[in-house]
Amino acid sequence: MRGRTKRVPNNLDALFLIPSAAITLQTAAGFTPTGQGAVCYRSAAGAAFAQTQDEMTSLIADDPEAPEVEVSRDDFGFTWLVVSGDPDNLADLCTDLHAVNTSLEAQGFDAGMLCSMVTFTAPGGRAVGLVYLYKSGTFYAFAPTGPHQRDNLTEISVRDHLAAELPMEPDLQKWLALWNAPGL
């Protein structure tokens, strides 16, 4: 197995650590949750995938206090299932994102899963996405400042603030630029 790295098993339950990490992010850096999160994946062809995607959106939308759910495609061919709810209830948002990831995984579509993201804003409107990489089971921050520009200092600062609470991605090369991601 020369030249290959061992794949780290993901831990979708790490998504449930976001609400407590959000408190740290707010007190340490001034970022507050927007109430929006998303799961990014590559859609598969066929009726089975379409049925799974319909079931995922129905699962969230059937809640009596359902958040808004939207499905869109980006310029790179990835699908974003976006959940917009109460900014003060990150626990429910993380539960919804976990359910989407678990559904995709259970139906055998995990090979196309890229990431999950929860968005935050700071005074002045700066945005940052807290991104969970499905294939490595780690988090990183993405802070776009304009078309194809990002604020690396903010991203590293968020990493440093949350390192004790979340499994942060140590390899900066894996910090994907999610240009035009929903909520950013």
N, C-alpha and C. Protein backbone atom coordinates (compact mmCIF):
# COMPACT_ATOMS: atom_id res chain seq x y z
N MET A 1 0.82 -1.19 0.00
CA MET A 1 0.00 0.00 0.00
C MET A 1 0.86 1.25 0.00
N ARG A 2 1.87 1.28 -0.77
CA ARG A 2 2.73 2.44 -0.84
C ARG A 2 2.02 3.61 -1.51
N GLY A 3 2.22 4.82 -0.95
CA GLY A 3 1.68 6.01 -1.57
C GLY A 3 0.21 6.27 -1.28
N ARG A 4 -0.41 5.46 -0.49
CA ARG A 4 -1.82 5.66 -0.17
C ARG A 4 -1.97 5.98 1.31
N THR A 5 -2.94 6.81 1.58
CA THR A 5 -3.22 7.11 2.97
C THR A 5 -4.44 6.32 3.40
N LYS A 6 -4.44 5.94 4.64
CA LYS A 6 -5.56 5.19 5.18
C LYS A 6 -6.74 6.13 5.38
N ARG A 7 -7.89 5.73 4.88
CA ARG A 7 -9.08 6.56 5.02
C ARG A 7 -9.56 6.52 6.47
N VAL A 8 -9.78 7.70 7.00
CA VAL A 8 -10.28 7.84 8.36
C VAL A 8 -11.79 7.65 8.31
N PRO A 9 -12.32 6.78 9.16
CA PRO A 9 -13.78 6.62 9.15
C PRO A 9 -14.44 7.90 9.63
N ASN A 10 -15.51 8.28 8.93
CA ASN A 10 -16.19 9.50 9.37
C ASN A 10 -16.97 9.21 10.64
N ASN A 11 -17.30 10.28 11.31
CA ASN A 11 -18.09 10.18 12.54
C ASN A 11 -19.18 11.24 12.43
N LEU A 12 -20.29 10.88 11.81
CA LEU A 12 -21.36 11.84 11.61
C LEU A 12 -21.88 12.43 12.92
N ASP A 13 -21.70 11.72 14.02
CA ASP A 13 -22.13 12.26 15.31
C ASP A 13 -21.35 13.52 15.70
N ALA A 14 -20.22 13.76 15.03
CA ALA A 14 -19.46 14.99 15.30
C ALA A 14 -20.30 16.22 14.95
N LEU A 15 -21.29 16.07 14.07
CA LEU A 15 -22.17 17.20 13.75
C LEU A 15 -22.90 17.71 14.99
N PHE A 16 -23.13 16.82 15.95
CA PHE A 16 -23.83 17.21 17.18
C PHE A 16 -22.95 18.04 18.12
N LEU A 17 -21.67 18.18 17.80
CA LEU A 17 -20.76 19.01 18.59
C LEU A 17 -20.83 20.48 18.17
N ILE A 18 -21.47 20.75 17.04
CA ILE A 18 -21.51 22.12 16.51
C ILE A 18 -22.22 23.10 17.45
N PRO A 19 -23.37 22.75 18.06
CA PRO A 19 -24.01 23.75 18.93
C PRO A 19 -23.11 24.27 20.06
N SER A 20 -22.36 23.38 20.70
CA SER A 20 -21.47 23.87 21.77
C SER A 20 -20.28 24.63 21.19
N ALA A 21 -19.79 24.20 20.04
CA ALA A 21 -18.70 24.92 19.38
C ALA A 21 -19.16 26.30 18.95
N ALA A 22 -20.44 26.43 18.60
CA ALA A 22 -20.98 27.73 18.18
C ALA A 22 -20.91 28.75 19.32
N ILE A 23 -21.08 28.29 20.54
CA ILE A 23 -20.98 29.20 21.69
C ILE A 23 -19.55 29.74 21.79
N THR A 24 -18.59 28.85 21.63
CA THR A 24 -17.19 29.27 21.64
C THR A 24 -16.90 30.24 20.50
N LEU A 25 -17.40 29.92 19.33
CA LEU A 25 -17.17 30.77 18.16
C LEU A 25 -17.78 32.16 18.35
N GLN A 26 -18.93 32.20 19.01
CA GLN A 26 -19.58 33.49 19.25
C GLN A 26 -18.83 34.31 20.30
N THR A 27 -18.45 33.68 21.40
CA THR A 27 -17.77 34.44 22.46
C THR A 27 -16.34 34.81 22.08
N ALA A 28 -15.65 33.94 21.37
CA ALA A 28 -14.25 34.17 21.04
C ALA A 28 -14.05 35.04 19.79
N ALA A 29 -14.95 34.92 18.81
CA ALA A 29 -14.72 35.61 17.54
C ALA A 29 -15.90 36.45 17.06
N GLY A 30 -17.03 36.41 17.77
CA GLY A 30 -18.17 37.22 17.38
C GLY A 30 -19.04 36.67 16.29
N PHE A 31 -18.80 35.43 15.88
CA PHE A 31 -19.62 34.82 14.83
C PHE A 31 -20.89 34.21 15.43
N THR A 32 -22.03 34.52 14.83
CA THR A 32 -23.31 33.97 15.29
C THR A 32 -23.91 33.08 14.21
N PRO A 33 -24.65 32.04 14.60
CA PRO A 33 -25.25 31.14 13.62
C PRO A 33 -26.32 31.86 12.80
N THR A 34 -26.43 31.49 11.54
CA THR A 34 -27.46 32.05 10.66
C THR A 34 -28.72 31.20 10.66
N GLY A 35 -28.61 29.96 11.16
CA GLY A 35 -29.74 29.03 11.10
C GLY A 35 -29.76 28.23 9.81
N GLN A 36 -28.75 28.44 8.98
CA GLN A 36 -28.70 27.72 7.70
C GLN A 36 -27.56 26.71 7.70
N GLY A 37 -27.86 25.55 7.14
CA GLY A 37 -26.87 24.51 6.97
C GLY A 37 -27.16 23.78 5.68
N ALA A 38 -26.20 23.01 5.22
CA ALA A 38 -26.37 22.30 3.95
C ALA A 38 -25.54 21.04 3.92
N VAL A 39 -25.99 20.11 3.09
CA VAL A 39 -25.24 18.90 2.80
C VAL A 39 -24.93 18.94 1.31
N CYS A 40 -23.68 18.72 0.96
CA CYS A 40 -23.24 18.76 -0.44
C CYS A 40 -22.86 17.36 -0.88
N TYR A 41 -23.41 16.94 -2.02
CA TYR A 41 -23.15 15.59 -2.54
C TYR A 41 -23.29 15.58 -4.04
N ARG A 42 -22.73 14.56 -4.66
CA ARG A 42 -22.90 14.37 -6.10
C ARG A 42 -24.11 13.48 -6.29
N SER A 43 -25.09 13.99 -7.02
CA SER A 43 -26.30 13.21 -7.29
C SER A 43 -25.98 12.01 -8.16
N ALA A 44 -26.69 10.94 -7.92
CA ALA A 44 -26.55 9.73 -8.73
C ALA A 44 -27.74 9.64 -9.68
N ALA A 45 -27.54 8.97 -10.79
CA ALA A 45 -28.63 8.79 -11.75
C ALA A 45 -29.53 7.66 -11.26
N GLY A 46 -30.78 7.74 -11.61
CA GLY A 46 -31.68 6.64 -11.33
C GLY A 46 -32.78 6.96 -10.34
N ALA A 47 -33.76 6.10 -10.36
CA ALA A 47 -34.95 6.28 -9.51
C ALA A 47 -34.63 6.11 -8.03
N ALA A 48 -33.72 5.23 -7.68
CA ALA A 48 -33.40 4.99 -6.27
C ALA A 48 -32.85 6.25 -5.62
N PHE A 49 -31.97 6.96 -6.32
CA PHE A 49 -31.43 8.19 -5.75
C PHE A 49 -32.51 9.26 -5.65
N ALA A 50 -33.31 9.41 -6.70
CA ALA A 50 -34.39 10.41 -6.67
C ALA A 50 -35.34 10.14 -5.52
N GLN A 51 -35.65 8.87 -5.28
CA GLN A 51 -36.54 8.52 -4.17
C GLN A 51 -35.88 8.85 -2.83
N THR A 52 -34.59 8.55 -2.70
CA THR A 52 -33.87 8.86 -1.46
C THR A 52 -33.86 10.36 -1.20
N GLN A 53 -33.60 11.16 -2.23
CA GLN A 53 -33.57 12.61 -2.07
C GLN A 53 -34.96 13.14 -1.68
N ASP A 54 -36.00 12.60 -2.31
CA ASP A 54 -37.37 13.00 -1.95
C ASP A 54 -37.68 12.64 -0.50
N GLU A 55 -37.25 11.45 -0.08
CA GLU A 55 -37.48 11.02 1.30
C GLU A 55 -36.75 11.92 2.30
N MET A 56 -35.53 12.35 1.93
CA MET A 56 -34.76 13.23 2.82
C MET A 56 -35.48 14.56 3.00
N THR A 57 -35.92 15.15 1.92
CA THR A 57 -36.59 16.45 2.05
C THR A 57 -37.92 16.30 2.78
N SER A 58 -38.63 15.20 2.54
CA SER A 58 -39.90 14.96 3.24
C SER A 58 -39.68 14.75 4.72
N LEU A 59 -38.62 14.03 5.07
CA LEU A 59 -38.30 13.76 6.47
C LEU A 59 -38.17 15.07 7.25
N ILE A 60 -37.48 16.04 6.66
CA ILE A 60 -37.29 17.32 7.33
C ILE A 60 -38.57 18.15 7.28
N ALA A 61 -39.20 18.20 6.11
CA ALA A 61 -40.39 19.05 5.92
C ALA A 61 -41.61 18.56 6.70
N ASP A 62 -41.65 17.28 7.07
CA ASP A 62 -42.79 16.74 7.80
C ASP A 62 -42.82 17.12 9.27
N ASP A 63 -41.73 17.71 9.76
CA ASP A 63 -41.68 18.17 11.14
C ASP A 63 -42.71 19.29 11.31
N PRO A 64 -43.48 19.28 12.41
CA PRO A 64 -44.50 20.32 12.61
C PRO A 64 -43.93 21.75 12.59
N GLU A 65 -42.71 21.92 13.03
CA GLU A 65 -42.05 23.22 13.00
C GLU A 65 -40.95 23.20 11.95
N ALA A 66 -41.29 22.69 10.77
CA ALA A 66 -40.32 22.42 9.72
C ALA A 66 -39.57 23.67 9.26
N PRO A 67 -38.27 23.52 9.11
CA PRO A 67 -37.49 24.60 8.49
C PRO A 67 -37.70 24.53 6.97
N GLU A 68 -37.24 25.55 6.29
CA GLU A 68 -37.29 25.53 4.83
C GLU A 68 -36.23 24.56 4.31
N VAL A 69 -36.59 23.82 3.27
CA VAL A 69 -35.65 22.89 2.64
C VAL A 69 -35.63 23.20 1.15
N GLU A 70 -34.43 23.32 0.62
CA GLU A 70 -34.27 23.62 -0.80
C GLU A 70 -33.15 22.75 -1.36
N VAL A 71 -33.32 22.30 -2.59
CA VAL A 71 -32.29 21.51 -3.26
C VAL A 71 -31.84 22.31 -4.49
N SER A 72 -30.51 22.49 -4.61
CA SER A 72 -29.97 23.22 -5.76
C SER A 72 -28.68 22.55 -6.23
N ARG A 73 -28.26 22.93 -7.43
CA ARG A 73 -26.99 22.43 -7.99
C ARG A 73 -26.04 23.59 -8.18
N ASP A 74 -24.75 23.32 -7.96
CA ASP A 74 -23.76 24.37 -8.16
C ASP A 74 -23.08 24.22 -9.52
N ASP A 75 -22.16 25.13 -9.81
CA ASP A 75 -21.47 25.14 -11.10
C ASP A 75 -20.53 23.95 -11.29
N PHE A 76 -20.24 23.23 -10.22
CA PHE A 76 -19.32 22.10 -10.29
C PHE A 76 -20.06 20.76 -10.38
N GLY A 77 -21.39 20.81 -10.46
CA GLY A 77 -22.19 19.60 -10.60
C GLY A 77 -22.59 18.95 -9.28
N PHE A 78 -22.33 19.62 -8.16
CA PHE A 78 -22.72 19.07 -6.87
C PHE A 78 -24.12 19.56 -6.50
N THR A 79 -24.81 18.76 -5.74
CA THR A 79 -26.14 19.11 -5.25
C THR A 79 -26.00 19.56 -3.81
N TRP A 80 -26.74 20.62 -3.47
CA TRP A 80 -26.78 21.14 -2.11
C TRP A 80 -28.19 21.01 -1.59
N LEU A 81 -28.37 20.27 -0.51
CA LEU A 81 -29.65 20.23 0.19
C LEU A 81 -29.51 21.21 1.34
N VAL A 82 -30.23 22.33 1.24
CA VAL A 82 -30.08 23.45 2.17
C VAL A 82 -31.26 23.47 3.14
N VAL A 83 -30.95 23.57 4.42
CA VAL A 83 -31.96 23.65 5.47
C VAL A 83 -31.81 25.01 6.14
N SER A 84 -32.91 25.78 6.17
CA SER A 84 -32.90 27.11 6.79
C SER A 84 -33.92 27.13 7.92
N GLY A 85 -33.42 27.28 9.14
CA GLY A 85 -34.30 27.27 10.31
C GLY A 85 -33.98 28.38 11.28
N ASP A 86 -34.29 28.13 12.52
CA ASP A 86 -34.13 29.10 13.59
C ASP A 86 -32.65 29.21 13.98
N PRO A 87 -32.05 30.40 13.87
CA PRO A 87 -30.64 30.55 14.25
C PRO A 87 -30.35 30.21 15.71
N ASP A 88 -31.38 30.27 16.55
CA ASP A 88 -31.19 29.97 17.96
C ASP A 88 -31.34 28.49 18.28
N ASN A 89 -31.59 27.67 17.26
CA ASN A 89 -31.78 26.24 17.49
C ASN A 89 -30.87 25.42 16.58
N LEU A 90 -29.58 25.51 16.85
CA LEU A 90 -28.60 24.75 16.06
C LEU A 90 -28.74 23.25 16.26
N ALA A 91 -29.23 22.83 17.41
CA ALA A 91 -29.38 21.39 17.68
C ALA A 91 -30.31 20.75 16.65
N ASP A 92 -31.45 21.41 16.36
CA ASP A 92 -32.37 20.86 15.36
C ASP A 92 -31.75 20.87 13.97
N LEU A 93 -31.04 21.94 13.63
CA LEU A 93 -30.38 22.02 12.33
C LEU A 93 -29.38 20.87 12.18
N CYS A 94 -28.57 20.65 13.20
CA CYS A 94 -27.57 19.58 13.14
C CYS A 94 -28.23 18.20 13.06
N THR A 95 -29.37 18.04 13.73
CA THR A 95 -30.12 16.78 13.64
C THR A 95 -30.59 16.57 12.22
N ASP A 96 -31.09 17.63 11.57
CA ASP A 96 -31.54 17.52 10.17
C ASP A 96 -30.38 17.17 9.24
N LEU A 97 -29.25 17.83 9.41
CA LEU A 97 -28.09 17.54 8.56
C LEU A 97 -27.60 16.11 8.78
N HIS A 98 -27.60 15.68 10.03
CA HIS A 98 -27.21 14.31 10.35
C HIS A 98 -28.15 13.32 9.66
N ALA A 99 -29.45 13.59 9.69
CA ALA A 99 -30.44 12.70 9.06
C ALA A 99 -30.22 12.60 7.56
N VAL A 100 -29.90 13.71 6.91
CA VAL A 100 -29.63 13.69 5.46
C VAL A 100 -28.41 12.84 5.18
N ASN A 101 -27.32 13.07 5.90
CA ASN A 101 -26.09 12.29 5.71
C ASN A 101 -26.33 10.80 5.95
N THR A 102 -27.03 10.50 7.02
CA THR A 102 -27.29 9.10 7.37
C THR A 102 -28.15 8.42 6.31
N SER A 103 -29.12 9.14 5.77
CA SER A 103 -29.98 8.58 4.72
C SER A 103 -29.17 8.26 3.47
N LEU A 104 -28.32 9.20 3.07
CA LEU A 104 -27.48 8.96 1.88
C LEU A 104 -26.57 7.75 2.11
N GLU A 105 -25.98 7.70 3.28
CA GLU A 105 -25.07 6.60 3.62
C GLU A 105 -25.80 5.26 3.65
N ALA A 106 -26.97 5.24 4.28
CA ALA A 106 -27.74 4.00 4.41
C ALA A 106 -28.21 3.45 3.07
N GLN A 107 -28.44 4.34 2.11
CA GLN A 107 -28.91 3.91 0.80
C GLN A 107 -27.76 3.62 -0.17
N GLY A 108 -26.53 3.69 0.35
CA GLY A 108 -25.37 3.33 -0.47
C GLY A 108 -24.83 4.45 -1.35
N PHE A 109 -25.21 5.69 -1.07
CA PHE A 109 -24.75 6.81 -1.87
C PHE A 109 -23.61 7.58 -1.21
N ASP A 110 -22.93 6.97 -0.24
CA ASP A 110 -21.88 7.67 0.49
C ASP A 110 -20.67 8.03 -0.38
N ALA A 111 -20.45 7.32 -1.47
CA ALA A 111 -19.31 7.63 -2.34
C ALA A 111 -19.42 9.02 -2.93
N GLY A 112 -20.63 9.54 -3.08
CA GLY A 112 -20.82 10.86 -3.66
C GLY A 112 -20.92 11.98 -2.65
N MET A 113 -20.76 11.66 -1.37
CA MET A 113 -20.91 12.69 -0.33
C MET A 113 -19.63 13.51 -0.19
N LEU A 114 -19.78 14.84 -0.16
CA LEU A 114 -18.62 15.72 -0.05
C LEU A 114 -18.51 16.32 1.35
N CYS A 115 -19.53 17.07 1.77
CA CYS A 115 -19.41 17.76 3.05
C CYS A 115 -20.78 18.21 3.55
N SER A 116 -20.76 18.67 4.80
CA SER A 116 -21.90 19.37 5.40
C SER A 116 -21.36 20.69 5.90
N MET A 117 -22.22 21.70 5.93
CA MET A 117 -21.75 23.03 6.33
C MET A 117 -22.83 23.75 7.13
N VAL A 118 -22.41 24.46 8.17
CA VAL A 118 -23.27 25.33 8.95
C VAL A 118 -22.67 26.74 8.82
N THR A 119 -23.52 27.74 8.55
CA THR A 119 -22.99 29.08 8.30
C THR A 119 -23.17 30.00 9.51
N PHE A 120 -22.22 30.94 9.61
CA PHE A 120 -22.17 31.93 10.69
C PHE A 120 -21.88 33.29 10.07
N THR A 121 -22.27 34.35 10.78
CA THR A 121 -21.92 35.71 10.35
C THR A 121 -21.35 36.47 11.54
N ALA A 122 -20.58 37.51 11.22
CA ALA A 122 -20.01 38.39 12.24
C ALA A 122 -20.54 39.79 12.00
N PRO A 123 -20.39 40.66 12.99
CA PRO A 123 -20.79 42.05 12.76
C PRO A 123 -20.10 42.58 11.49
N GLY A 124 -20.85 43.29 10.70
CA GLY A 124 -20.31 43.78 9.44
C GLY A 124 -20.63 42.87 8.27
N GLY A 125 -21.27 41.73 8.56
CA GLY A 125 -21.71 40.84 7.50
C GLY A 125 -20.71 39.80 7.01
N ARG A 126 -19.53 39.74 7.61
CA ARG A 126 -18.58 38.69 7.21
C ARG A 126 -19.21 37.33 7.47
N ALA A 127 -19.01 36.41 6.55
CA ALA A 127 -19.59 35.08 6.69
C ALA A 127 -18.48 34.04 6.78
N VAL A 128 -18.77 32.97 7.50
CA VAL A 128 -17.87 31.84 7.57
C VAL A 128 -18.71 30.56 7.61
N GLY A 129 -18.26 29.58 6.88
CA GLY A 129 -18.91 28.27 6.92
C GLY A 129 -18.06 27.32 7.73
N LEU A 130 -18.68 26.61 8.66
CA LEU A 130 -18.01 25.56 9.40
C LEU A 130 -18.32 24.28 8.64
N VAL A 131 -17.30 23.71 8.01
CA VAL A 131 -17.46 22.62 7.04
C VAL A 131 -17.00 21.30 7.64
N TYR A 132 -17.86 20.28 7.51
CA TYR A 132 -17.50 18.92 7.93
C TYR A 132 -17.20 18.12 6.67
N LEU A 133 -15.97 17.66 6.53
CA LEU A 133 -15.58 16.83 5.38
C LEU A 133 -15.97 15.38 5.64
N TYR A 134 -16.86 14.87 4.82
CA TYR A 134 -17.39 13.53 5.03
C TYR A 134 -16.29 12.46 4.99
N LYS A 135 -15.40 12.53 4.01
CA LYS A 135 -14.43 11.45 3.81
C LYS A 135 -13.29 11.44 4.84
N SER A 136 -13.06 12.55 5.54
CA SER A 136 -11.99 12.55 6.53
C SER A 136 -12.51 12.68 7.96
N GLY A 137 -13.80 13.02 8.12
CA GLY A 137 -14.37 13.11 9.46
C GLY A 137 -13.85 14.30 10.25
N THR A 138 -13.46 15.37 9.55
CA THR A 138 -12.90 16.54 10.21
C THR A 138 -13.61 17.81 9.75
N PHE A 139 -13.38 18.88 10.50
CA PHE A 139 -13.96 20.19 10.21
C PHE A 139 -12.88 21.16 9.77
N TYR A 140 -13.31 22.19 9.04
CA TYR A 140 -12.46 23.34 8.76
C TYR A 140 -13.37 24.54 8.53
N ALA A 141 -12.81 25.73 8.53
CA ALA A 141 -13.58 26.94 8.30
C ALA A 141 -13.32 27.43 6.88
N PHE A 142 -14.37 27.95 6.24
CA PHE A 142 -14.23 28.57 4.93
C PHE A 142 -14.83 29.97 5.02
N ALA A 143 -14.01 30.98 4.76
CA ALA A 143 -14.45 32.37 4.89
C ALA A 143 -14.20 33.12 3.58
N PRO A 144 -15.16 33.07 2.67
CA PRO A 144 -14.98 33.80 1.41
C PRO A 144 -15.10 35.31 1.63
N THR A 145 -14.32 36.07 0.85
CA THR A 145 -14.38 37.52 0.93
C THR A 145 -14.81 38.15 -0.39
N GLY A 146 -14.91 37.35 -1.41
CA GLY A 146 -15.29 37.83 -2.74
C GLY A 146 -15.18 36.69 -3.72
N PRO A 147 -15.39 36.99 -4.99
CA PRO A 147 -15.28 35.93 -5.99
C PRO A 147 -13.87 35.33 -5.99
N HIS A 148 -13.78 34.10 -5.62
CA HIS A 148 -12.52 33.34 -5.60
C HIS A 148 -11.46 33.96 -4.71
N GLN A 149 -11.90 34.59 -3.62
CA GLN A 149 -10.99 35.10 -2.61
C GLN A 149 -11.50 34.64 -1.25
N ARG A 150 -10.55 34.33 -0.37
CA ARG A 150 -10.93 33.87 0.96
C ARG A 150 -10.05 34.51 2.01
N ASP A 151 -10.54 34.54 3.23
CA ASP A 151 -9.85 35.14 4.36
C ASP A 151 -9.18 34.02 5.16
N ASN A 152 -7.94 33.71 4.78
CA ASN A 152 -7.21 32.62 5.43
C ASN A 152 -6.97 32.89 6.91
N LEU A 153 -6.77 34.14 7.27
CA LEU A 153 -6.52 34.47 8.67
C LEU A 153 -7.74 34.14 9.53
N THR A 154 -8.93 34.49 9.05
CA THR A 154 -10.16 34.14 9.77
C THR A 154 -10.33 32.63 9.85
N GLU A 155 -10.05 31.94 8.76
CA GLU A 155 -10.19 30.48 8.75
C GLU A 155 -9.28 29.82 9.78
N ILE A 156 -8.05 30.27 9.86
CA ILE A 156 -7.10 29.71 10.82
C ILE A 156 -7.49 30.10 12.25
N SER A 157 -7.99 31.31 12.41
CA SER A 157 -8.44 31.75 13.73
C SER A 157 -9.61 30.89 14.23
N VAL A 158 -10.56 30.60 13.35
CA VAL A 158 -11.68 29.73 13.72
C VAL A 158 -11.16 28.35 14.08
N ARG A 159 -10.24 27.83 13.29
CA ARG A 159 -9.64 26.52 13.61
C ARG A 159 -9.03 26.53 15.01
N ASP A 160 -8.28 27.56 15.30
CA ASP A 160 -7.61 27.64 16.60
C ASP A 160 -8.61 27.74 17.75
N HIS A 161 -9.69 28.50 17.55
CA HIS A 161 -10.71 28.65 18.60
C HIS A 161 -11.44 27.33 18.86
N LEU A 162 -11.63 26.53 17.82
CA LEU A 162 -12.45 25.33 17.96
C LEU A 162 -11.67 24.03 18.08
N ALA A 163 -10.36 24.10 18.07
CA ALA A 163 -9.52 22.90 18.08
C ALA A 163 -9.77 21.99 19.28
N ALA A 164 -10.15 22.55 20.40
CA ALA A 164 -10.40 21.73 21.59
C ALA A 164 -11.80 21.10 21.58
N GLU A 165 -12.67 21.57 20.69
CA GLU A 165 -14.05 21.10 20.68
C GLU A 165 -14.43 20.23 19.49
N LEU A 166 -13.76 20.44 18.37
CA LEU A 166 -14.10 19.71 17.15
C LEU A 166 -12.85 19.05 16.56
N PRO A 167 -13.01 17.94 15.86
CA PRO A 167 -11.86 17.36 15.15
C PRO A 167 -11.56 18.24 13.93
N MET A 168 -10.57 19.10 14.04
CA MET A 168 -10.24 20.04 12.97
C MET A 168 -9.27 19.39 11.98
N GLU A 169 -9.46 19.70 10.71
CA GLU A 169 -8.61 19.15 9.64
C GLU A 169 -7.23 19.81 9.71
N PRO A 170 -6.17 19.02 9.96
CA PRO A 170 -4.84 19.60 10.08
C PRO A 170 -4.20 19.96 8.73
N ASP A 171 -4.62 19.29 7.65
CA ASP A 171 -4.02 19.49 6.33
C ASP A 171 -4.75 20.61 5.59
N LEU A 172 -4.12 21.79 5.50
CA LEU A 172 -4.75 22.94 4.87
C LEU A 172 -5.08 22.68 3.39
N GLN A 173 -4.40 21.73 2.77
CA GLN A 173 -4.68 21.39 1.37
C GLN A 173 -6.08 20.79 1.19
N LYS A 174 -6.65 20.27 2.27
CA LYS A 174 -7.99 19.68 2.22
C LYS A 174 -9.09 20.69 2.53
N TRP A 175 -8.72 21.93 2.81
CA TRP A 175 -9.70 22.96 3.10
C TRP A 175 -10.25 23.46 1.77
N LEU A 176 -11.27 22.80 1.27
CA LEU A 176 -11.84 23.10 -0.03
C LEU A 176 -12.44 24.49 -0.10
N ALA A 177 -12.28 25.13 -1.23
CA ALA A 177 -12.93 26.42 -1.47
C ALA A 177 -14.33 26.12 -2.01
N LEU A 178 -15.32 26.44 -1.23
CA LEU A 178 -16.71 26.16 -1.61
C LEU A 178 -17.35 27.43 -2.20
N TRP A 179 -16.81 27.86 -3.34
CA TRP A 179 -17.30 29.08 -3.97
C TRP A 179 -18.80 28.98 -4.24
N ASN A 180 -19.50 30.03 -3.97
CA ASN A 180 -20.95 30.13 -4.21
C ASN A 180 -21.75 29.13 -3.39
N ALA A 181 -21.21 28.67 -2.28
CA ALA A 181 -21.97 27.76 -1.41
C ALA A 181 -23.15 28.51 -0.83
N PRO A 182 -24.27 27.83 -0.63
CA PRO A 182 -25.46 28.49 -0.06
C PRO A 182 -25.15 29.12 1.30
N GLY A 183 -25.58 30.34 1.47
CA GLY A 183 -25.41 31.01 2.75
C GLY A 183 -24.10 31.77 2.89
N LEU A 184 -23.19 31.60 1.91
CA LEU A 184 -21.92 32.32 1.99
C LEU A 184 -21.87 33.37 0.92
